[in-house]
Amino acid sequence: IDSSLDNLSSSMVRDVQKGGLSEFDGQVRRIVELGKKLGVPTPLYQKVAEWGDKKGI
């Protein structure tokens, strides 16, 4: 079991590793966008979105 754990990853990680699109926009940036529109702070999502920008995701 331990050896098989090395090969486990989420579909989002696999998509990004292959150079494809991921669900990042819909699951992170969209929340930040809606928060701004509705006046609801989303500090954690904002940090994650900034991290994604730095990583090119």
C-alpha atoms as a PDB file:
ATOM      1  CA  ILE A   1       0.000   0.000   0.000  1.00  0.00           C
ATOM      2  CA  ASP A   2       2.743   2.465   0.919  1.00  0.00           C
ATOM      3  CA  SER A   3       4.412   2.150  -2.479  1.00  0.00           C
ATOM      4  CA  SER A   4       1.144   2.850  -4.312  1.00  0.00           C
ATOM      5  CA  LEU A   5       0.681   6.134  -2.438  1.00  0.00           C
ATOM      6  CA  ASP A   6       3.562   7.683  -4.393  1.00  0.00           C
ATOM      7  CA  ASN A   7       1.493   7.527  -7.575  1.00  0.00           C
ATOM      8  CA  LEU A   8      -1.676   9.087  -6.189  1.00  0.00           C
ATOM      9  CA  SER A   9      -2.632  12.581  -7.269  1.00  0.00           C
ATOM     10  CA  SER A  10      -5.792  14.530  -7.913  1.00  0.00           C
ATOM     11  CA  SER A  11      -7.174  15.005 -11.407  1.00  0.00           C
ATOM     12  CA  MET A  12      -6.399  18.725 -11.113  1.00  0.00           C
ATOM     13  CA  VAL A  13      -2.723  17.987 -10.451  1.00  0.00           C
ATOM     14  CA  ARG A  14      -2.572  15.544 -13.363  1.00  0.00           C
ATOM     15  CA  ASP A  15      -4.226  18.071 -15.703  1.00  0.00           C
ATOM     16  CA  VAL A  16      -1.737  20.798 -14.771  1.00  0.00           C
ATOM     17  CA  GLN A  17       1.230  18.427 -15.052  1.00  0.00           C
ATOM     18  CA  LYS A  18       0.136  17.562 -18.588  1.00  0.00           C
ATOM     19  CA  GLY A  19      -0.071  21.262 -19.447  1.00  0.00           C
ATOM     20  CA  GLY A  20      -3.842  21.203 -19.687  1.00  0.00           C
ATOM     21  CA  LEU A  21      -6.549  23.296 -18.135  1.00  0.00           C
ATOM     22  CA  SER A  22      -7.680  22.620 -14.604  1.00  0.00           C
ATOM     23  CA  GLU A  23     -10.688  23.361 -12.463  1.00  0.00           C
ATOM     24  CA  PHE A  24      -8.634  26.021 -10.660  1.00  0.00           C
ATOM     25  CA  ASP A  25     -10.497  28.962 -12.190  1.00  0.00           C
ATOM     26  CA  GLY A  26     -13.894  27.580 -11.289  1.00  0.00           C
ATOM     27  CA  GLN A  27     -12.951  26.354  -7.846  1.00  0.00           C
ATOM     28  CA  VAL A  28     -10.783  29.258  -6.708  1.00  0.00           C
ATOM     29  CA  ARG A  29     -10.847  32.374  -8.874  1.00  0.00           C
ATOM     30  CA  ARG A  30     -14.616  32.261  -9.314  1.00  0.00           C
ATOM     31  CA  ILE A  31     -15.062  32.319  -5.523  1.00  0.00           C
ATOM     32  CA  VAL A  32     -12.812  35.389  -5.262  1.00  0.00           C
ATOM     33  CA  GLU A  33     -14.749  37.068  -8.077  1.00  0.00           C
ATOM     34  CA  LEU A  34     -18.131  36.353  -6.476  1.00  0.00           C
ATOM     35  CA  GLY A  35     -16.868  37.488  -3.077  1.00  0.00           C
ATOM     36  CA  LYS A  36     -15.828  40.841  -4.530  1.00  0.00           C
ATOM     37  CA  LYS A  37     -19.151  41.187  -6.345  1.00  0.00           C
ATOM     38  CA  LEU A  38     -21.147  40.422  -3.194  1.00  0.00           C
ATOM     39  CA  GLY A  39     -18.886  42.253  -0.751  1.00  0.00           C
ATOM     40  CA  VAL A  40     -17.851  39.052   1.016  1.00  0.00           C
ATOM     41  CA  PRO A  41     -14.175  38.752   1.987  1.00  0.00           C
ATOM     42  CA  THR A  42     -12.447  35.617   0.718  1.00  0.00           C
ATOM     43  CA  PRO A  43      -8.916  35.979   2.117  1.00  0.00           C
ATOM     44  CA  LEU A  44      -7.949  32.313   1.931  1.00  0.00           C
ATOM     45  CA  TYR A  45      -9.214  31.928  -1.627  1.00  0.00           C
ATOM     46  CA  GLN A  46      -7.424  35.160  -2.549  1.00  0.00           C
ATOM     47  CA  LYS A  47      -4.132  33.756  -1.213  1.00  0.00           C
ATOM     48  CA  VAL A  48      -4.643  30.515  -3.131  1.00  0.00           C
ATOM     49  CA  ALA A  49      -5.467  32.470  -6.315  1.00  0.00           C
ATOM     50  CA  GLU A  50      -2.276  34.517  -5.893  1.00  0.00           C
ATOM     51  CA  TRP A  51      -0.303  31.292  -5.428  1.00  0.00           C
ATOM     52  CA  GLY A  52      -1.875  29.926  -8.621  1.00  0.00           C
ATOM     53  CA  ASP A  53      -0.883  33.079 -10.482  1.00  0.00           C
ATOM     54  CA  LYS A  54       2.729  32.656  -9.372  1.00  0.00           C
ATOM     55  CA  LYS A  55       2.683  29.011 -10.473  1.00  0.00           C
ATOM     56  CA  GLY A  56       1.032  29.794 -13.797  1.00  0.00           C
ATOM     57  CA  ILE A  57      -2.076  27.790 -13.038  1.00  0.00           C
END
